[in-house]
Amino acid sequence: RADIARAGGADGVHLATSSLSADVVRRTFGPNFLIGVSTHSVGEAQAARATGADFAVWGPVFATESKNPYGEPQGVAKLQTVVREVAPFPVIALGGINKVNLVACLQAGASGVAGIGLFQDKTNLSNTVSRIKEVFRTNVAERKS
């Protein structure tokens, strides 16, 4: 909820598909309040962009227990289609992301990755974050060349 995020001093909010639309949140909390929107289709990502969100989180890309209620994994090819259809609007890949398949997500054009399982191993968290940074830097450099 955006009102609770603001009351708690957060710089923004991540909206679920059942939340208020980004344009309502934008009108209420202003241009500097960061708004992300969960999306599961090209149409939902286009709607997030059209209603003033700052980015979309799209998935599930790969199989994962936490995203089973949102349907079958949609895969990297579909991620690439979504990214292309809403470009240059940022799309964050979600769903079954790990240290290996995050490369494919970034190569498909995702602006970043999000995950639950990716960050659950507290003993290896530093290595996980280092790997993500390395892969991100490499892929950003490749996109610029």
Protein backbone atom coordinates (compact mmCIF):
# COMPACT_ATOMS: atom_id res chain seq x y z
CA ARG A 1 0.00 0.00 0.00
CA ALA A 2 1.40 3.33 -1.09
CA ASP A 3 0.00 5.19 1.91
CA ILE A 4 1.81 2.89 4.32
CA ALA A 5 5.00 3.08 2.25
CA ARG A 6 4.90 6.89 2.41
CA ALA A 7 4.02 6.93 6.12
CA GLY A 8 6.97 4.62 6.75
CA GLY A 9 9.32 6.98 4.95
CA ALA A 10 9.83 4.79 1.88
CA ASP A 11 10.91 6.41 -1.38
CA GLY A 12 8.41 4.39 -3.35
CA VAL A 13 6.14 1.39 -3.62
CA HIS A 14 5.78 -1.85 -5.55
CA LEU A 15 2.19 -2.28 -6.69
CA ALA A 16 0.54 -5.66 -7.12
CA THR A 17 -1.86 -6.29 -9.99
CA SER A 18 -4.72 -5.80 -7.49
CA SER A 19 -3.37 -2.47 -6.16
CA LEU A 20 -4.36 1.04 -7.13
CA SER A 21 -3.11 1.98 -10.58
CA ALA A 22 0.17 3.85 -10.93
CA ASP A 23 -1.54 7.03 -12.13
CA VAL A 24 -3.61 7.27 -8.93
CA VAL A 25 -0.51 6.72 -6.80
CA ARG A 26 1.44 9.25 -8.88
CA ARG A 27 -1.26 11.94 -8.52
CA THR A 28 -1.43 11.31 -4.79
CA PHE A 29 2.27 11.08 -3.93
CA GLY A 30 3.93 13.15 -6.64
CA PRO A 31 6.61 12.82 -9.30
CA ASN A 32 9.46 11.80 -6.99
CA PHE A 33 7.72 8.75 -5.50
CA LEU A 34 9.18 5.62 -7.15
CA ILE A 35 6.50 3.28 -8.50
CA GLY A 36 7.05 -0.30 -9.63
CA VAL A 37 4.23 -2.51 -10.88
CA SER A 38 3.97 -6.31 -10.98
CA THR A 39 3.09 -7.49 -14.48
CA HIS A 40 2.53 -10.86 -16.13
CA SER A 41 1.85 -9.95 -19.77
CA VAL A 42 2.80 -7.47 -22.47
CA GLY A 43 -0.51 -5.70 -21.92
CA GLU A 44 0.06 -5.29 -18.20
CA ALA A 45 3.58 -3.95 -18.81
CA GLN A 46 2.20 -1.50 -21.38
CA ALA A 47 -0.47 -0.40 -18.89
CA ALA A 48 2.17 0.13 -16.18
CA ARG A 49 4.13 2.36 -18.56
CA ALA A 50 1.01 4.23 -19.73
CA THR A 51 -0.20 4.95 -16.22
CA GLY A 52 3.07 6.50 -15.07
CA ALA A 53 4.94 3.73 -13.29
CA ASP A 54 8.73 4.02 -13.18
CA PHE A 55 9.29 0.34 -14.00
CA ALA A 56 7.57 -3.03 -14.33
CA VAL A 57 8.51 -6.26 -12.63
CA TRP A 58 7.61 -9.02 -15.08
CA GLY A 59 7.32 -12.76 -14.72
CA PRO A 60 7.44 -15.47 -13.84
CA VAL A 61 10.30 -16.07 -16.23
CA PHE A 62 11.31 -19.47 -14.79
CA ALA A 63 9.56 -22.03 -12.59
CA THR A 64 9.36 -21.19 -8.90
CA GLU A 65 7.03 -22.19 -6.08
CA SER A 66 6.31 -18.59 -5.05
CA LYS A 67 5.00 -17.66 -8.50
CA ASN A 68 2.87 -20.76 -9.19
CA PRO A 69 -0.37 -18.78 -8.61
CA TYR A 70 0.53 -16.56 -11.60
CA GLY A 71 0.70 -19.43 -14.06
CA GLU A 72 3.33 -21.31 -15.96
CA PRO A 73 6.77 -19.76 -16.39
CA GLN A 74 6.80 -17.62 -19.52
CA GLY A 75 10.45 -17.97 -20.48
CA VAL A 76 13.22 -15.73 -21.73
CA ALA A 77 11.81 -15.33 -25.26
CA LYS A 78 8.58 -13.85 -23.86
CA LEU A 79 10.63 -11.60 -21.54
CA GLN A 80 12.52 -10.34 -24.59
CA THR A 81 9.22 -9.60 -26.35
CA VAL A 82 7.90 -7.65 -23.36
CA VAL A 83 11.13 -5.65 -23.09
CA ARG A 84 11.01 -4.81 -26.79
CA GLU A 85 7.32 -3.83 -26.71
CA VAL A 86 7.69 -1.35 -23.84
CA ALA A 87 11.24 -0.05 -24.51
CA PRO A 88 12.78 2.11 -23.20
CA PHE A 89 10.56 1.51 -20.14
CA PRO A 90 12.55 -0.58 -17.60
CA VAL A 91 11.48 -4.19 -17.06
CA ILE A 92 12.80 -6.20 -14.10
CA ALA A 93 12.75 -10.00 -14.53
CA LEU A 94 11.25 -12.07 -11.70
CA GLY A 95 10.50 -15.71 -11.06
CA GLY A 96 13.00 -18.49 -10.55
CA ILE A 97 15.99 -16.21 -11.09
CA ASN A 98 19.33 -17.70 -10.04
CA LYS A 99 23.03 -16.86 -10.46
CA VAL A 100 23.15 -18.72 -13.79
CA ASN A 101 19.91 -17.81 -15.56
CA LEU A 102 20.10 -14.13 -14.62
CA VAL A 103 22.54 -13.78 -17.53
CA ALA A 104 19.82 -14.82 -20.00
CA CYS A 105 17.41 -12.30 -18.48
CA LEU A 106 19.85 -9.43 -18.89
CA GLN A 107 20.77 -10.58 -22.40
CA ALA A 108 17.03 -10.51 -23.20
CA GLY A 109 17.08 -6.83 -22.31
CA ALA A 110 15.80 -6.83 -18.74
CA SER A 111 16.98 -3.80 -16.81
CA GLY A 112 17.56 -5.94 -13.75
CA VAL A 113 16.42 -8.98 -11.82
CA ALA A 114 14.49 -9.51 -8.61
CA GLY A 115 14.05 -12.62 -6.58
CA ILE A 116 13.34 -14.39 -3.36
CA GLY A 117 15.34 -17.59 -3.68
CA LEU A 118 18.26 -15.76 -5.24
CA PHE A 119 18.90 -13.98 -1.94
CA GLN A 120 17.96 -16.67 0.60
CA ASP A 121 21.42 -18.11 1.21
CA LYS A 122 22.66 -15.66 3.85
CA THR A 123 26.06 -17.31 4.01
CA ASN A 124 26.64 -16.62 0.32
CA LEU A 125 24.82 -13.30 -0.03
CA SER A 126 27.97 -11.28 -0.65
CA ASN A 127 29.00 -13.66 -3.45
CA THR A 128 25.52 -13.55 -4.94
CA VAL A 129 25.48 -9.75 -5.02
CA SER A 130 29.01 -9.67 -6.49
CA ARG A 131 27.92 -12.09 -9.23
CA ILE A 132 24.87 -9.98 -10.08
CA LYS A 133 27.00 -6.82 -10.28
CA GLU A 134 29.54 -8.56 -12.51
CA VAL A 135 26.89 -9.90 -14.88
CA PHE A 136 25.06 -6.57 -14.93
CA ARG A 137 28.22 -4.59 -15.74
CA THR A 138 29.16 -7.01 -18.53
CA ASN A 139 25.71 -6.88 -20.10
CA VAL A 140 25.40 -3.11 -19.86
CA ALA A 141 28.81 -2.75 -21.54
CA GLU A 142 27.69 -5.14 -24.33
CA ARG A 143 24.46 -3.17 -24.91
CA LYS A 144 26.42 0.08 -25.29
CA SER A 145 28.84 -1.36 -27.87
